[in-house]
Structure formats: structure tokens, C-alpha cells
Amino acid sequence: MRRPALLLLALCAAGARGLYFHIGETEKRCFIEEIPDETMVIGNYRTQMWDKQKEVFLPSTPGLGMHVEVKDPEGKVVLSRQYGSEGRFTFTSHTPGDHQICLHSNSTRMALFAGGRLRVHLDIQVGEHANNYPEIAAKDKLTELQLRARQLLDQVEQIQKEQDYQRYREERFRLTSESTNQRVLWWSIAQTVILILTGIWQMRHLKSFFEAKKLV
């Protein structure tokens, strides 16, 4: 199996990102999302298979499956599941940091795709952008004003989570900087001690040399 290609997706203010990419047989494609803790993430994807005869991507690929795997910053598997050619996956983060989202096809089960190309359309929504507000309004029978208030509350909650995550990153960066500075300090002290000891050894060696030659 080919080594997974890692693509970095930085979270933006919109909280959602849509893209498409191409993969080959048994190829895995991974993405990295920076996600605060206790944040819901929804991914929607759709696949198109390359038709070698018509030289176009087919609008649908029935019978083809996609495997989705999500790992948290500690390497623990949050989600690992087989889906169809078009689907939706959801998960909730419990650890802040970089989450790895990997997708690959079950192309070895499908002779038509073997050795071919596949186009995957992927849309990842994070936080309150993952909520389906029309569905929430219909389910809870909310008025337009109540729905707007619900959206604002969700946005404030997501902003709070983002601020907590930024403080978490700053704390990690500060600890790393302090650790690095401490190591540099001890290394400088060690170098100074080595230079002093080397100088003392050289002076004693030269003194012994001059005494042996009866120059002193």
C-alpha cells in the first residue's frame, strides 16, 4: 500500500471546507483538521469513477465503497467504518488538536475500478456549521426568532471552544519554549565548564612540558 499523503486543512472562520481529490487503487488520502474538544464534525463525500472509454468521470459509482478512519491527536481511533460510494460520517472530538481523517476505496473488490482513478468530493463541517438548523426548527417547532437565538448561542459556544483551544495551544507552546530555553541554558553551562576544564588541562600540560625541558 502506498504511503498516505497528508494534506493540512486549517480551520477558518467559516468552519467548513469543500474540495475534491483523485485517488488510485488501494491509495489512501489523509487530511488533518485542527479541532477543539467536544466539537461535532460532519463529513459529506461523493465519488466519481473514471470511464476510460468515454474519458469522463461517471456521475455515480454504485457498488463502490469507501472506508473512513479518524484518529485523535493521541493516535486513538475515533471512527473506523465502511460506507458506500456516497455518504456522510460524523464524530465528536474529545481531545483538542490535530485529527487525522483518512479515506480509501475498496477498489480490490471491484474489477471495473482496478487500476483506475476515482474522484472524491469531500465537504467537512465543524462546530455549529454541522448543525442542520431547518431540521432543528421543524423538530423543536421553533419560531424564526427562536431559531436565530439558537444559532447565536451555538456560535458563542463555538467561539468559546475556539478560545479555549487557542489558550491550550499557547500553553503547549509556552511549555515547549521554556523546555527549549532550559536545555539551551544547560548546554551553554556545559560548554563553559568543558572549555574551563580544557584550559586548565592545557595549562597543566604545558607546565609539565616546560618543566621536563627545564625551561621553567
C-alpha atoms as a PDB file:
ATOM      1  CA  MET A   1       0.000   0.000   0.000  1.00  0.00           C
ATOM      2  CA  ARG A   2       1.219   3.449  -0.861  1.00  0.00           C
ATOM      3  CA  ARG A   3       2.186   5.777   1.895  1.00  0.00           C
ATOM      4  CA  PRO A   4      -0.759   8.036   2.795  1.00  0.00           C
ATOM      5  CA  ALA A   5      -0.463  11.612   1.589  1.00  0.00           C
ATOM      6  CA  LEU A   6      -1.099  14.120   4.346  1.00  0.00           C
ATOM      7  CA  LEU A   7      -2.883  17.333   3.481  1.00  0.00           C
ATOM      8  CA  LEU A   8      -3.267  20.096   6.020  1.00  0.00           C
ATOM      9  CA  LEU A   9      -6.687  21.729   6.290  1.00  0.00           C
ATOM     10  CA  ALA A  10      -6.597  24.753   8.586  1.00  0.00           C
ATOM     11  CA  LEU A  11      -9.831  25.746  10.259  1.00  0.00           C
ATOM     12  CA  CYS A  12     -11.159  29.015   9.012  1.00  0.00           C
ATOM     13  CA  ALA A  13     -13.820  31.337  10.334  1.00  0.00           C
ATOM     14  CA  ALA A  14     -16.433  29.698   8.118  1.00  0.00           C
ATOM     15  CA  GLY A  15     -15.878  26.344   9.827  1.00  0.00           C
ATOM     16  CA  ALA A  16     -16.475  24.384   6.605  1.00  0.00           C
ATOM     17  CA  ARG A  17     -14.307  23.356   3.690  1.00  0.00           C
ATOM     18  CA  GLY A  18     -15.252  21.655   0.416  1.00  0.00           C
ATOM     19  CA  LEU A  19     -12.807  20.127  -2.064  1.00  0.00           C
ATOM     20  CA  TYR A  20     -12.257  17.213  -4.384  1.00  0.00           C
ATOM     21  CA  PHE A  21      -9.230  14.998  -4.994  1.00  0.00           C
ATOM     22  CA  HIS A  22      -8.202  11.973  -7.036  1.00  0.00           C
ATOM     23  CA  ILE A  23      -7.066   8.622  -5.678  1.00  0.00           C
ATOM     24  CA  GLY A  24      -5.916   5.407  -7.321  1.00  0.00           C
ATOM     25  CA  GLU A  25      -6.425   1.773  -6.492  1.00  0.00           C
ATOM     26  CA  THR A  26      -5.715   0.994  -2.791  1.00  0.00           C
ATOM     27  CA  GLU A  27      -4.455   4.574  -2.325  1.00  0.00           C
ATOM     28  CA  LYS A  28      -5.234   6.270   0.970  1.00  0.00           C
ATOM     29  CA  ARG A  29      -5.679  10.023   1.311  1.00  0.00           C
ATOM     30  CA  CYS A  30      -5.480  11.661   4.735  1.00  0.00           C
ATOM     31  CA  PHE A  31      -6.381  15.132   5.953  1.00  0.00           C
ATOM     32  CA  ILE A  32      -5.544  16.934   9.167  1.00  0.00           C
ATOM     33  CA  GLU A  33      -8.106  19.126  10.908  1.00  0.00           C
ATOM     34  CA  GLU A  34      -7.403  21.248  13.977  1.00  0.00           C
ATOM     35  CA  ILE A  35     -10.475  20.695  16.146  1.00  0.00           C
ATOM     36  CA  PRO A  36     -11.292  21.924  19.669  1.00  0.00           C
ATOM     37  CA  ASP A  37     -12.545  19.394  22.194  1.00  0.00           C
ATOM     38  CA  GLU A  38     -16.222  18.413  22.429  1.00  0.00           C
ATOM     39  CA  THR A  39     -16.858  19.613  18.874  1.00  0.00           C
ATOM     40  CA  MET A  40     -19.040  17.801  16.359  1.00  0.00           C
ATOM     41  CA  VAL A  41     -17.660  17.238  12.867  1.00  0.00           C
ATOM     42  CA  ILE A  42     -19.692  16.139   9.839  1.00  0.00           C
ATOM     43  CA  GLY A  43     -18.162  14.979   6.571  1.00  0.00           C
ATOM     44  CA  ASN A  44     -20.115  14.512   3.345  1.00  0.00           C
ATOM     45  CA  TYR A  45     -18.474  12.810   0.380  1.00  0.00           C
ATOM     46  CA  ARG A  46     -19.359  11.675  -3.127  1.00  0.00           C
ATOM     47  CA  THR A  47     -17.300   9.532  -5.505  1.00  0.00           C
ATOM     48  CA  GLN A  48     -16.979   9.516  -9.301  1.00  0.00           C
ATOM     49  CA  MET A  49     -15.237   6.754 -11.235  1.00  0.00           C
ATOM     50  CA  TRP A  50     -13.125   7.478 -14.336  1.00  0.00           C
ATOM     51  CA  ASP A  51     -14.511   5.948 -17.534  1.00  0.00           C
ATOM     52  CA  LYS A  52     -11.535   5.020 -19.707  1.00  0.00           C
ATOM     53  CA  GLN A  53     -13.643   4.635 -22.853  1.00  0.00           C
ATOM     54  CA  LYS A  54     -15.555   7.921 -22.613  1.00  0.00           C
ATOM     55  CA  GLU A  55     -12.660   9.655 -20.787  1.00  0.00           C
ATOM     56  CA  VAL A  56     -15.013  11.298 -18.320  1.00  0.00           C
ATOM     57  CA  PHE A  57     -15.888  10.839 -14.661  1.00  0.00           C
ATOM     58  CA  LEU A  58     -19.173   8.992 -14.226  1.00  0.00           C
ATOM     59  CA  PRO A  59     -21.821  10.821 -12.170  1.00  0.00           C
ATOM     60  CA  SER A  60     -22.171   7.889  -9.742  1.00  0.00           C
ATOM     61  CA  THR A  61     -20.304   4.734  -8.758  1.00  0.00           C
ATOM     62  CA  PRO A  62     -22.793   2.150  -7.444  1.00  0.00           C
ATOM     63  CA  GLY A  63     -21.230  -0.830  -5.713  1.00  0.00           C
ATOM     64  CA  LEU A  64     -18.080   1.040  -4.741  1.00  0.00           C
ATOM     65  CA  GLY A  65     -17.366   1.543  -1.038  1.00  0.00           C
ATOM     66  CA  MET A  66     -15.235   3.996   0.921  1.00  0.00           C
ATOM     67  CA  HIS A  67     -13.579   3.303   4.239  1.00  0.00           C
ATOM     68  CA  VAL A  68     -13.309   6.263   6.629  1.00  0.00           C
ATOM     69  CA  GLU A  69     -10.954   6.303   9.600  1.00  0.00           C
ATOM     70  CA  VAL A  70     -10.486   9.146  12.081  1.00  0.00           C
ATOM     71  CA  LYS A  71      -7.721   9.356  14.701  1.00  0.00           C
ATOM     72  CA  ASP A  72      -7.377  11.882  17.501  1.00  0.00           C
ATOM     73  CA  PRO A  73      -4.130  13.743  18.391  1.00  0.00           C
ATOM     74  CA  GLU A  74      -3.099  10.810  20.624  1.00  0.00           C
ATOM     75  CA  GLY A  75      -3.453   8.325  17.758  1.00  0.00           C
ATOM     76  CA  LYS A  76      -6.613   6.705  19.122  1.00  0.00           C
ATOM     77  CA  VAL A  77      -9.188   5.616  16.553  1.00  0.00           C
ATOM     78  CA  VAL A  78     -12.324   7.749  16.904  1.00  0.00           C
ATOM     79  CA  LEU A  79     -14.129   6.354  13.855  1.00  0.00           C
ATOM     80  CA  SER A  80     -13.452   3.404  11.554  1.00  0.00           C
ATOM     81  CA  ARG A  81     -16.285   2.384   9.263  1.00  0.00           C
ATOM     82  CA  GLN A  82     -17.104   1.227   5.755  1.00  0.00           C
ATOM     83  CA  TYR A  83     -19.541   3.405   3.778  1.00  0.00           C
ATOM     84  CA  GLY A  84     -21.000   3.373   0.289  1.00  0.00           C
ATOM     85  CA  SER A  85     -19.963   5.331  -2.803  1.00  0.00           C
ATOM     86  CA  GLU A  86     -21.725   8.387  -1.369  1.00  0.00           C
ATOM     87  CA  GLY A  87     -22.243   9.019   2.284  1.00  0.00           C
ATOM     88  CA  ARG A  88     -21.932  11.042   5.442  1.00  0.00           C
ATOM     89  CA  PHE A  89     -19.812  10.421   8.530  1.00  0.00           C
ATOM     90  CA  THR A  90     -19.957  12.169  11.901  1.00  0.00           C
ATOM     91  CA  PHE A  91     -17.840  12.169  15.038  1.00  0.00           C
ATOM     92  CA  THR A  92     -17.282  14.291  18.133  1.00  0.00           C
ATOM     93  CA  SER A  93     -13.815  15.276  19.275  1.00  0.00           C
ATOM     94  CA  HIS A  94     -12.867  14.638  22.902  1.00  0.00           C
ATOM     95  CA  THR A  95      -9.242  15.781  22.699  1.00  0.00           C
ATOM     96  CA  PRO A  96      -8.227  19.175  21.242  1.00  0.00           C
ATOM     97  CA  GLY A  97      -5.658  19.193  18.456  1.00  0.00           C
ATOM     98  CA  ASP A  98      -4.928  17.716  15.042  1.00  0.00           C
ATOM     99  CA  HIS A  99      -7.344  14.984  13.997  1.00  0.00           C
ATOM    100  CA  GLN A 100      -6.375  12.769  11.057  1.00  0.00           C
ATOM    101  CA  ILE A 101      -9.189  11.871   8.655  1.00  0.00           C
ATOM    102  CA  CYS A 102      -8.316   9.131   6.133  1.00  0.00           C
ATOM    103  CA  LEU A 103     -10.333   7.755   3.210  1.00  0.00           C
ATOM    104  CA  HIS A 104      -9.641   4.883   0.836  1.00  0.00           C
ATOM    105  CA  SER A 105     -11.739   2.782  -1.515  1.00  0.00           C
ATOM    106  CA  ASN A 106     -12.437  -0.935  -1.544  1.00  0.00           C
ATOM    107  CA  SER A 107     -11.212  -0.999  -5.139  1.00  0.00           C
ATOM    108  CA  THR A 108      -9.778  -4.507  -4.788  1.00  0.00           C
ATOM    109  CA  ARG A 109     -13.371  -5.775  -4.624  1.00  0.00           C
ATOM    110  CA  MET A 110     -14.390  -4.092  -7.855  1.00  0.00           C
ATOM    111  CA  ALA A 111     -12.787  -5.225 -11.112  1.00  0.00           C
ATOM    112  CA  LEU A 112     -14.118  -2.215 -13.051  1.00  0.00           C
ATOM    113  CA  PHE A 113     -12.137   0.194 -10.890  1.00  0.00           C
ATOM    114  CA  ALA A 114      -8.977  -1.889 -10.581  1.00  0.00           C
ATOM    115  CA  GLY A 115      -6.046   0.204 -11.782  1.00  0.00           C
ATOM    116  CA  GLY A 116      -8.291   3.222 -12.439  1.00  0.00           C
ATOM    117  CA  ARG A 117      -8.880   6.635 -10.912  1.00  0.00           C
ATOM    118  CA  LEU A 118     -11.531   7.877  -8.568  1.00  0.00           C
ATOM    119  CA  ARG A 119     -12.592  11.460  -7.886  1.00  0.00           C
ATOM    120  CA  VAL A 120     -13.796  12.100  -4.340  1.00  0.00           C
ATOM    121  CA  HIS A 121     -15.759  15.231  -3.426  1.00  0.00           C
ATOM    122  CA  LEU A 122     -15.395  15.963   0.295  1.00  0.00           C
ATOM    123  CA  ASP A 123     -17.068  18.594   2.439  1.00  0.00           C
ATOM    124  CA  ILE A 124     -16.106  18.874   6.125  1.00  0.00           C
ATOM    125  CA  GLN A 125     -18.194  20.968   8.517  1.00  0.00           C
ATOM    126  CA  VAL A 126     -17.037  21.761  12.045  1.00  0.00           C
ATOM    127  CA  GLY A 127     -18.888  23.076  15.073  1.00  0.00           C
ATOM    128  CA  GLU A 128     -22.186  24.907  14.720  1.00  0.00           C
ATOM    129  CA  HIS A 129     -21.871  24.718  10.917  1.00  0.00           C
ATOM    130  CA  ALA A 130     -22.501  20.982  11.239  1.00  0.00           C
ATOM    131  CA  ASN A 131     -25.994  21.653  12.627  1.00  0.00           C
ATOM    132  CA  ASN A 132     -28.987  21.353  10.328  1.00  0.00           C
ATOM    133  CA  TYR A 133     -30.984  24.329  11.592  1.00  0.00           C
ATOM    134  CA  PRO A 134     -34.057  23.877   9.345  1.00  0.00           C
ATOM    135  CA  GLU A 135     -34.348  20.331  10.674  1.00  0.00           C
ATOM    136  CA  ILE A 136     -33.865  21.541  14.268  1.00  0.00           C
ATOM    137  CA  ALA A 137     -36.533  24.240  13.790  1.00  0.00           C
ATOM    138  CA  ALA A 138     -39.024  21.718  12.399  1.00  0.00           C
ATOM    139  CA  LYS A 139     -38.311  19.180  15.135  1.00  0.00           C
ATOM    140  CA  ASP A 140     -38.471  21.608  18.082  1.00  0.00           C
ATOM    141  CA  LYS A 141     -41.139  23.839  16.456  1.00  0.00           C
ATOM    142  CA  LEU A 142     -39.053  26.981  16.828  1.00  0.00           C
ATOM    143  CA  THR A 143     -40.045  30.384  15.524  1.00  0.00           C
ATOM    144  CA  GLU A 144     -37.679  32.360  13.326  1.00  0.00           C
ATOM    145  CA  LEU A 145     -36.584  34.470  16.309  1.00  0.00           C
ATOM    146  CA  GLN A 146     -36.030  31.404  18.498  1.00  0.00           C
ATOM    147  CA  LEU A 147     -34.060  29.722  15.737  1.00  0.00           C
ATOM    148  CA  ARG A 148     -31.868  32.808  15.310  1.00  0.00           C
ATOM    149  CA  ALA A 149     -31.265  32.904  19.067  1.00  0.00           C
ATOM    150  CA  ARG A 150     -30.325  29.205  18.952  1.00  0.00           C
ATOM    151  CA  GLN A 151     -27.839  29.889  16.160  1.00  0.00           C
ATOM    152  CA  LEU A 152     -26.288  32.781  18.090  1.00  0.00           C
ATOM    153  CA  LEU A 153     -25.940  30.648  21.225  1.00  0.00           C
ATOM    154  CA  ASP A 154     -24.276  27.882  19.211  1.00  0.00           C
ATOM    155  CA  GLN A 155     -21.908  30.416  17.639  1.00  0.00           C
ATOM    156  CA  VAL A 156     -20.978  31.843  21.053  1.00  0.00           C
ATOM    157  CA  GLU A 157     -20.360  28.313  22.347  1.00  0.00           C
ATOM    158  CA  GLN A 158     -18.152  27.517  19.342  1.00  0.00           C
ATOM    159  CA  ILE A 159     -16.198  30.759  19.802  1.00  0.00           C
ATOM    160  CA  GLN A 160     -15.637  29.817  23.449  1.00  0.00           C
ATOM    161  CA  LYS A 161     -14.333  26.416  22.384  1.00  0.00           C
ATOM    162  CA  GLU A 162     -12.014  28.049  19.847  1.00  0.00           C
ATOM    163  CA  GLN A 163     -10.682  30.429  22.521  1.00  0.00           C
ATOM    164  CA  ASP A 164     -10.113  27.527  24.912  1.00  0.00           C
ATOM    165  CA  TYR A 165      -8.274  25.671  22.173  1.00  0.00           C
ATOM    166  CA  GLN A 166      -6.081  28.696  21.407  1.00  0.00           C
ATOM    167  CA  ARG A 167      -5.232  29.006  25.107  1.00  0.00           C
ATOM    168  CA  TYR A 168      -4.406  25.292  25.108  1.00  0.00           C
ATOM    169  CA  ARG A 169      -2.069  25.792  22.123  1.00  0.00           C
ATOM    170  CA  GLU A 170      -0.444  28.814  23.730  1.00  0.00           C
ATOM    171  CA  GLU A 171       0.146  26.835  26.931  1.00  0.00           C
ATOM    172  CA  ARG A 172       1.757  23.994  24.975  1.00  0.00           C
ATOM    173  CA  PHE A 173       3.904  26.468  23.038  1.00  0.00           C
ATOM    174  CA  ARG A 174       4.971  28.196  26.261  1.00  0.00           C
ATOM    175  CA  LEU A 175       5.939  24.890  27.885  1.00  0.00           C
ATOM    176  CA  THR A 176       7.878  23.886  24.775  1.00  0.00           C
ATOM    177  CA  SER A 177       9.675  27.254  24.694  1.00  0.00           C
ATOM    178  CA  GLU A 178      10.562  27.044  28.389  1.00  0.00           C
ATOM    179  CA  SER A 179      11.845  23.492  27.948  1.00  0.00           C
ATOM    180  CA  THR A 180      13.925  24.542  24.927  1.00  0.00           C
ATOM    181  CA  ASN A 181      15.341  27.584  26.734  1.00  0.00           C
ATOM    182  CA  GLN A 182      16.243  25.448  29.737  1.00  0.00           C
ATOM    183  CA  ARG A 183      18.039  22.927  27.541  1.00  0.00           C
ATOM    184  CA  VAL A 184      19.929  25.726  25.767  1.00  0.00           C
ATOM    185  CA  LEU A 185      20.939  27.187  29.144  1.00  0.00           C
ATOM    186  CA  TRP A 186      22.230  23.872  30.464  1.00  0.00           C
ATOM    187  CA  TRP A 187      24.046  23.229  27.176  1.00  0.00           C
ATOM    188  CA  SER A 188      25.735  26.643  27.419  1.00  0.00           C
ATOM    189  CA  ILE A 189      26.775  25.921  31.010  1.00  0.00           C
ATOM    190  CA  ALA A 190      28.139  22.518  29.971  1.00  0.00           C
ATOM    191  CA  GLN A 191      30.129  24.105  27.123  1.00  0.00           C
ATOM    192  CA  THR A 192      31.568  26.729  29.504  1.00  0.00           C
ATOM    193  CA  VAL A 193      32.592  24.063  32.022  1.00  0.00           C
ATOM    194  CA  ILE A 194      34.197  21.959  29.267  1.00  0.00           C
ATOM    195  CA  LEU A 195      36.142  24.987  27.982  1.00  0.00           C
ATOM    196  CA  ILE A 196      37.376  25.837  31.509  1.00  0.00           C
ATOM    197  CA  LEU A 197      38.435  22.245  32.192  1.00  0.00           C
ATOM    198  CA  THR A 198      40.148  22.062  28.786  1.00  0.00           C
ATOM    199  CA  GLY A 199      42.012  25.303  29.510  1.00  0.00           C
ATOM    200  CA  ILE A 200      43.153  24.051  32.924  1.00  0.00           C
ATOM    201  CA  TRP A 201      44.300  20.760  31.403  1.00  0.00           C
ATOM    202  CA  GLN A 202      46.240  22.565  28.654  1.00  0.00           C
ATOM    203  CA  MET A 203      47.950  24.877  31.199  1.00  0.00           C
ATOM    204  CA  ARG A 204      48.987  21.928  33.372  1.00  0.00           C
ATOM    205  CA  HIS A 205      50.178  20.025  30.323  1.00  0.00           C
ATOM    206  CA  LEU A 206      52.257  22.969  29.115  1.00  0.00           C
ATOM    207  CA  LYS A 207      53.690  23.477  32.608  1.00  0.00           C
ATOM    208  CA  SER A 208      54.719  19.823  32.779  1.00  0.00           C
ATOM    209  CA  PHE A 209      56.233  20.101  29.275  1.00  0.00           C
ATOM    210  CA  PHE A 210      58.302  23.184  30.191  1.00  0.00           C
ATOM    211  CA  GLU A 211      59.442  21.610  33.458  1.00  0.00           C
ATOM    212  CA  ALA A 212      60.516  18.468  31.614  1.00  0.00           C
ATOM    213  CA  LYS A 213      62.514  20.599  29.156  1.00  0.00           C
ATOM    214  CA  LYS A 214      63.898  22.591  32.112  1.00  0.00           C
ATOM    215  CA  LEU A 215      62.592  25.813  30.635  1.00  0.00           C
ATOM    216  CA  VAL A 216      60.934  26.775  33.885  1.00  0.00           C
END
